[in-house]
Amino acid sequence: SKDGDVGAFKRRRATELKHGRVSMLACMGYIVPEYFKFPGYLAPKADLAFADVPNGLAAISKVPEAGWCQWFAFVGALETNIFASDASRDPGDYANAGRLGLPFADGIDDPEKRKRSLNAELANGRLAMMAITGMFFQDGLTGSAWGDWALYTDSPLRAFENELGVQDPVG
């Protein structure tokens, strides 16, 4: 940080890594269901099959409350047990996680490869944060992360499309 506070820098870097990792998983969570859904039931008692759950933001209202509670408990257990931060280690470097954040896997021993891998993870995480934000907005506006903009009739980009002199993009 600008004031030279190493503790604040480490906290911010760990937060950036965590948000990047969550964003990368969230992007995968948007992409994978477009091509694959698990067979069987998400909630057998509610007769809710995985195939019945829509993609994107619409899934939030379909998943039962107990399912969300299970996710929060699972992530909380990971956060406090396996991915517990240690002030003596680099930000995002957990004693119980190795390469790619896999629990109990081997880490990267070569310091140069480790630095390169961390820089790649930071860059990919930053990209994923922007990507998932775009997916959320597009999903919210069109109903799909891959939305058909023709369905979004309130777009300000349509303001002049029927005026004289407007033409299709050239190029």
C-alpha atoms as a PDB file:
ATOM      1  CA  SER A   1       0.000   0.000   0.000  1.00  0.00           C
ATOM      2  CA  LYS A   2       1.057   3.623  -0.421  1.00  0.00           C
ATOM      3  CA  ASP A   3       1.724   4.098   3.272  1.00  0.00           C
ATOM      4  CA  GLY A   4       4.044   1.065   3.388  1.00  0.00           C
ATOM      5  CA  ASP A   5       1.805  -0.970   5.675  1.00  0.00           C
ATOM      6  CA  VAL A   6       2.814  -4.553   4.861  1.00  0.00           C
ATOM      7  CA  GLY A   7      -0.069  -6.047   6.829  1.00  0.00           C
ATOM      8  CA  ALA A   8      -2.644  -4.022   4.889  1.00  0.00           C
ATOM      9  CA  PHE A   9      -1.013  -5.011   1.590  1.00  0.00           C
ATOM     10  CA  LYS A  10      -1.078  -8.708   2.494  1.00  0.00           C
ATOM     11  CA  ARG A  11      -4.726  -8.485   3.547  1.00  0.00           C
ATOM     12  CA  ARG A  12      -5.681  -6.715   0.320  1.00  0.00           C
ATOM     13  CA  ARG A  13      -3.708  -9.161  -1.821  1.00  0.00           C
ATOM     14  CA  ALA A  14      -5.300 -12.147  -0.054  1.00  0.00           C
ATOM     15  CA  THR A  15      -8.727 -10.569  -0.609  1.00  0.00           C
ATOM     16  CA  GLU A  16      -7.947  -9.978  -4.287  1.00  0.00           C
ATOM     17  CA  LEU A  17      -6.827 -13.589  -4.714  1.00  0.00           C
ATOM     18  CA  LYS A  18      -9.914 -14.892  -2.954  1.00  0.00           C
ATOM     19  CA  HIS A  19     -12.265 -12.754  -5.047  1.00  0.00           C
ATOM     20  CA  GLY A  20     -10.421 -13.813  -8.187  1.00  0.00           C
ATOM     21  CA  ARG A  21     -10.691 -17.498  -7.302  1.00  0.00           C
ATOM     22  CA  VAL A  22     -14.396 -17.190  -6.516  1.00  0.00           C
ATOM     23  CA  SER A  23     -14.939 -15.271  -9.755  1.00  0.00           C
ATOM     24  CA  MET A  24     -13.128 -17.926 -11.802  1.00  0.00           C
ATOM     25  CA  LEU A  25     -15.375 -20.594 -10.263  1.00  0.00           C
ATOM     26  CA  ALA A  26     -18.447 -18.412 -10.828  1.00  0.00           C
ATOM     27  CA  CYS A  27     -17.561 -18.024 -14.516  1.00  0.00           C
ATOM     28  CA  MET A  28     -17.267 -21.791 -14.773  1.00  0.00           C
ATOM     29  CA  GLY A  29     -20.605 -22.048 -12.987  1.00  0.00           C
ATOM     30  CA  TYR A  30     -22.161 -19.958 -15.735  1.00  0.00           C
ATOM     31  CA  ILE A  31     -20.485 -21.780 -18.622  1.00  0.00           C
ATOM     32  CA  VAL A  32     -20.661 -25.469 -17.646  1.00  0.00           C
ATOM     33  CA  PRO A  33     -24.466 -25.730 -17.191  1.00  0.00           C
ATOM     34  CA  GLU A  34     -24.901 -24.533 -20.775  1.00  0.00           C
ATOM     35  CA  TYR A  35     -23.337 -27.817 -21.904  1.00  0.00           C
ATOM     36  CA  PHE A  36     -23.735 -30.271 -19.009  1.00  0.00           C
ATOM     37  CA  LYS A  37     -26.074 -30.869 -16.094  1.00  0.00           C
ATOM     38  CA  PHE A  38     -25.826 -33.618 -13.536  1.00  0.00           C
ATOM     39  CA  PRO A  39     -28.342 -36.418 -13.883  1.00  0.00           C
ATOM     40  CA  GLY A  40     -30.695 -37.023 -11.006  1.00  0.00           C
ATOM     41  CA  TYR A  41     -32.229 -34.777  -8.405  1.00  0.00           C
ATOM     42  CA  LEU A  42     -30.971 -31.657  -6.701  1.00  0.00           C
ATOM     43  CA  ALA A  43     -33.732 -31.953  -4.090  1.00  0.00           C
ATOM     44  CA  PRO A  44     -35.480 -35.339  -4.239  1.00  0.00           C
ATOM     45  CA  LYS A  45     -38.140 -34.436  -1.648  1.00  0.00           C
ATOM     46  CA  ALA A  46     -39.088 -31.368  -3.683  1.00  0.00           C
ATOM     47  CA  ASP A  47     -38.947 -33.410  -6.913  1.00  0.00           C
ATOM     48  CA  LEU A  48     -36.410 -30.895  -8.283  1.00  0.00           C
ATOM     49  CA  ALA A  49     -34.061 -32.365 -10.879  1.00  0.00           C
ATOM     50  CA  PHE A  50     -30.805 -30.718 -11.899  1.00  0.00           C
ATOM     51  CA  ALA A  51     -32.233 -30.422 -15.410  1.00  0.00           C
ATOM     52  CA  ASP A  52     -35.114 -28.311 -14.024  1.00  0.00           C
ATOM     53  CA  VAL A  53     -32.794 -25.634 -12.628  1.00  0.00           C
ATOM     54  CA  PRO A  54     -32.328 -22.776 -15.085  1.00  0.00           C
ATOM     55  CA  ASN A  55     -28.915 -21.288 -15.770  1.00  0.00           C
ATOM     56  CA  GLY A  56     -27.653 -18.003 -14.402  1.00  0.00           C
ATOM     57  CA  LEU A  57     -29.400 -15.716 -11.955  1.00  0.00           C
ATOM     58  CA  ALA A  58     -32.732 -17.499 -12.433  1.00  0.00           C
ATOM     59  CA  ALA A  59     -31.273 -20.492 -10.551  1.00  0.00           C
ATOM     60  CA  ILE A  60     -31.124 -18.493  -7.304  1.00  0.00           C
ATOM     61  CA  SER A  61     -34.885 -18.667  -6.832  1.00  0.00           C
ATOM     62  CA  LYS A  62     -35.127 -22.362  -7.775  1.00  0.00           C
ATOM     63  CA  VAL A  63     -32.592 -23.830  -5.351  1.00  0.00           C
ATOM     64  CA  PRO A  64     -34.225 -24.665  -1.994  1.00  0.00           C
ATOM     65  CA  GLU A  65     -33.184 -22.711   1.080  1.00  0.00           C
ATOM     66  CA  ALA A  66     -31.666 -25.838   2.630  1.00  0.00           C
ATOM     67  CA  GLY A  67     -29.394 -26.137  -0.407  1.00  0.00           C
ATOM     68  CA  TRP A  68     -28.084 -22.609   0.091  1.00  0.00           C
ATOM     69  CA  CYS A  69     -27.527 -23.325   3.794  1.00  0.00           C
ATOM     70  CA  GLN A  70     -25.488 -26.416   2.867  1.00  0.00           C
ATOM     71  CA  TRP A  71     -23.325 -24.342   0.514  1.00  0.00           C
ATOM     72  CA  PHE A  72     -22.689 -21.661   3.138  1.00  0.00           C
ATOM     73  CA  ALA A  73     -21.804 -24.312   5.735  1.00  0.00           C
ATOM     74  CA  PHE A  74     -19.475 -26.097   3.286  1.00  0.00           C
ATOM     75  CA  VAL A  75     -17.686 -22.911   2.234  1.00  0.00           C
ATOM     76  CA  GLY A  76     -17.464 -21.783   5.861  1.00  0.00           C
ATOM     77  CA  ALA A  77     -15.871 -25.102   6.835  1.00  0.00           C
ATOM     78  CA  LEU A  78     -13.333 -24.791   4.012  1.00  0.00           C
ATOM     79  CA  GLU A  79     -12.591 -21.185   4.934  1.00  0.00           C
ATOM     80  CA  THR A  80     -11.993 -21.842   8.616  1.00  0.00           C
ATOM     81  CA  ASN A  81     -10.265 -25.237   8.386  1.00  0.00           C
ATOM     82  CA  ILE A  82      -8.474 -25.959   5.107  1.00  0.00           C
ATOM     83  CA  PHE A  83      -8.014 -22.433   3.772  1.00  0.00           C
ATOM     84  CA  ALA A  84      -7.271 -20.706   7.066  1.00  0.00           C
ATOM     85  CA  SER A  85      -4.933 -17.766   6.575  1.00  0.00           C
ATOM     86  CA  ASP A  86      -1.530 -17.752   8.227  1.00  0.00           C
ATOM     87  CA  ALA A  87       0.278 -14.434   8.715  1.00  0.00           C
ATOM     88  CA  SER A  88       3.658 -16.147   8.313  1.00  0.00           C
ATOM     89  CA  ARG A  89       2.813 -17.261   4.744  1.00  0.00           C
ATOM     90  CA  ASP A  90       2.311 -15.306   1.525  1.00  0.00           C
ATOM     91  CA  PRO A  91      -1.221 -14.115   0.752  1.00  0.00           C
ATOM     92  CA  GLY A  92      -3.270 -16.933  -0.745  1.00  0.00           C
ATOM     93  CA  ASP A  93      -0.684 -19.558   0.238  1.00  0.00           C
ATOM     94  CA  TYR A  94      -2.406 -22.017   2.534  1.00  0.00           C
ATOM     95  CA  ALA A  95      -0.616 -24.780   4.448  1.00  0.00           C
ATOM     96  CA  ASN A  96      -3.318 -27.322   3.586  1.00  0.00           C
ATOM     97  CA  ALA A  97      -3.672 -26.440  -0.110  1.00  0.00           C
ATOM     98  CA  GLY A  98      -1.316 -27.033  -2.990  1.00  0.00           C
ATOM     99  CA  ARG A  99      -1.232 -26.253  -6.674  1.00  0.00           C
ATOM    100  CA  LEU A 100      -4.479 -24.773  -7.999  1.00  0.00           C
ATOM    101  CA  GLY A 101      -5.748 -24.543  -4.426  1.00  0.00           C
ATOM    102  CA  LEU A 102      -6.457 -28.257  -4.249  1.00  0.00           C
ATOM    103  CA  PRO A 103      -6.722 -29.370  -0.627  1.00  0.00           C
ATOM    104  CA  PHE A 104      -3.767 -31.420   0.601  1.00  0.00           C
ATOM    105  CA  ALA A 105      -2.023 -31.364  -2.812  1.00  0.00           C
ATOM    106  CA  ASP A 106       1.658 -30.632  -3.392  1.00  0.00           C
ATOM    107  CA  GLY A 107       2.633 -27.023  -3.923  1.00  0.00           C
ATOM    108  CA  ILE A 108       5.078 -25.475  -6.382  1.00  0.00           C
ATOM    109  CA  ASP A 109       8.596 -25.810  -4.999  1.00  0.00           C
ATOM    110  CA  ASP A 110      10.534 -23.738  -7.562  1.00  0.00           C
ATOM    111  CA  PRO A 111      10.292 -20.091  -6.432  1.00  0.00           C
ATOM    112  CA  GLU A 112      10.436 -18.723 -10.000  1.00  0.00           C
ATOM    113  CA  LYS A 113       7.629 -21.009 -11.211  1.00  0.00           C
ATOM    114  CA  ARG A 114       5.665 -20.185  -8.083  1.00  0.00           C
ATOM    115  CA  LYS A 115       5.981 -16.439  -8.730  1.00  0.00           C
ATOM    116  CA  ARG A 116       4.967 -16.872 -12.382  1.00  0.00           C
ATOM    117  CA  SER A 117       1.997 -19.025 -11.362  1.00  0.00           C
ATOM    118  CA  LEU A 118       0.863 -16.463  -8.771  1.00  0.00           C
ATOM    119  CA  ASN A 119       1.103 -13.634 -11.317  1.00  0.00           C
ATOM    120  CA  ALA A 120      -0.934 -15.681 -13.805  1.00  0.00           C
ATOM    121  CA  GLU A 121      -3.516 -16.398 -11.119  1.00  0.00           C
ATOM    122  CA  LEU A 122      -3.769 -12.701 -10.249  1.00  0.00           C
ATOM    123  CA  ALA A 123      -4.222 -11.730 -13.915  1.00  0.00           C
ATOM    124  CA  ASN A 124      -6.765 -14.484 -14.573  1.00  0.00           C
ATOM    125  CA  GLY A 125      -8.606 -13.634 -11.363  1.00  0.00           C
ATOM    126  CA  ARG A 126      -8.838  -9.973 -12.347  1.00  0.00           C
ATOM    127  CA  LEU A 127     -10.168 -10.956 -15.754  1.00  0.00           C
ATOM    128  CA  ALA A 128     -12.687 -13.329 -14.168  1.00  0.00           C
ATOM    129  CA  MET A 129     -13.921 -10.582 -11.821  1.00  0.00           C
ATOM    130  CA  MET A 130     -14.681  -8.399 -14.830  1.00  0.00           C
ATOM    131  CA  ALA A 131     -16.164 -11.325 -16.760  1.00  0.00           C
ATOM    132  CA  ILE A 132     -18.570 -12.439 -14.041  1.00  0.00           C
ATOM    133  CA  THR A 133     -19.665  -8.846 -13.499  1.00  0.00           C
ATOM    134  CA  GLY A 134     -20.462  -8.616 -17.211  1.00  0.00           C
ATOM    135  CA  MET A 135     -22.286 -11.949 -17.109  1.00  0.00           C
ATOM    136  CA  PHE A 136     -24.381 -10.786 -14.150  1.00  0.00           C
ATOM    137  CA  PHE A 137     -25.337  -7.547 -15.884  1.00  0.00           C
ATOM    138  CA  GLN A 138     -26.110  -9.207 -19.200  1.00  0.00           C
ATOM    139  CA  ASP A 139     -28.106 -11.944 -17.454  1.00  0.00           C
ATOM    140  CA  GLY A 140     -30.023  -9.328 -15.479  1.00  0.00           C
ATOM    141  CA  LEU A 141     -30.824  -7.310 -18.596  1.00  0.00           C
ATOM    142  CA  THR A 142     -31.564 -10.094 -21.088  1.00  0.00           C
ATOM    143  CA  GLY A 143     -32.294 -13.159 -18.960  1.00  0.00           C
ATOM    144  CA  SER A 144     -29.151 -14.989 -20.130  1.00  0.00           C
ATOM    145  CA  ALA A 145     -25.423 -14.502 -19.693  1.00  0.00           C
ATOM    146  CA  TRP A 146     -25.173 -15.026 -23.446  1.00  0.00           C
ATOM    147  CA  GLY A 147     -28.246 -12.802 -23.885  1.00  0.00           C
ATOM    148  CA  ASP A 148     -29.939 -12.044 -27.130  1.00  0.00           C
ATOM    149  CA  TRP A 149     -29.735  -8.270 -27.230  1.00  0.00           C
ATOM    150  CA  ALA A 150     -32.643  -8.248 -29.670  1.00  0.00           C
ATOM    151  CA  LEU A 151     -34.848  -9.122 -26.685  1.00  0.00           C
ATOM    152  CA  TYR A 152     -33.600  -6.128 -24.695  1.00  0.00           C
ATOM    153  CA  THR A 153     -35.844  -3.452 -26.125  1.00  0.00           C
ATOM    154  CA  ASP A 154     -35.013  -0.839 -23.463  1.00  0.00           C
ATOM    155  CA  SER A 155     -31.380  -0.591 -24.552  1.00  0.00           C
ATOM    156  CA  PRO A 156     -30.122   2.986 -24.874  1.00  0.00           C
ATOM    157  CA  LEU A 157     -28.138   1.738 -27.871  1.00  0.00           C
ATOM    158  CA  ARG A 158     -31.449   1.547 -29.747  1.00  0.00           C
ATOM    159  CA  ALA A 159     -32.151   5.243 -29.327  1.00  0.00           C
ATOM    160  CA  PHE A 160     -31.216   6.246 -32.868  1.00  0.00           C
ATOM    161  CA  GLU A 161     -31.641   3.053 -34.862  1.00  0.00           C
ATOM    162  CA  ASN A 162     -34.723   4.253 -36.729  1.00  0.00           C
ATOM    163  CA  GLU A 163     -33.409   7.720 -37.509  1.00  0.00           C
ATOM    164  CA  LEU A 164     -32.281   8.929 -40.918  1.00  0.00           C
ATOM    165  CA  GLY A 165     -28.637   8.200 -41.668  1.00  0.00           C
ATOM    166  CA  VAL A 166     -28.250   5.254 -39.316  1.00  0.00           C
ATOM    167  CA  GLN A 167     -26.635   2.237 -40.935  1.00  0.00           C
ATOM    168  CA  ASP A 168     -25.383  -1.181 -39.952  1.00  0.00           C
ATOM    169  CA  PRO A 169     -21.791  -1.299 -38.705  1.00  0.00           C
ATOM    170  CA  VAL A 170     -19.250  -1.470 -41.500  1.00  0.00           C
ATOM    171  CA  GLY A 171     -16.068  -3.284 -41.238  1.00  0.00           C
END
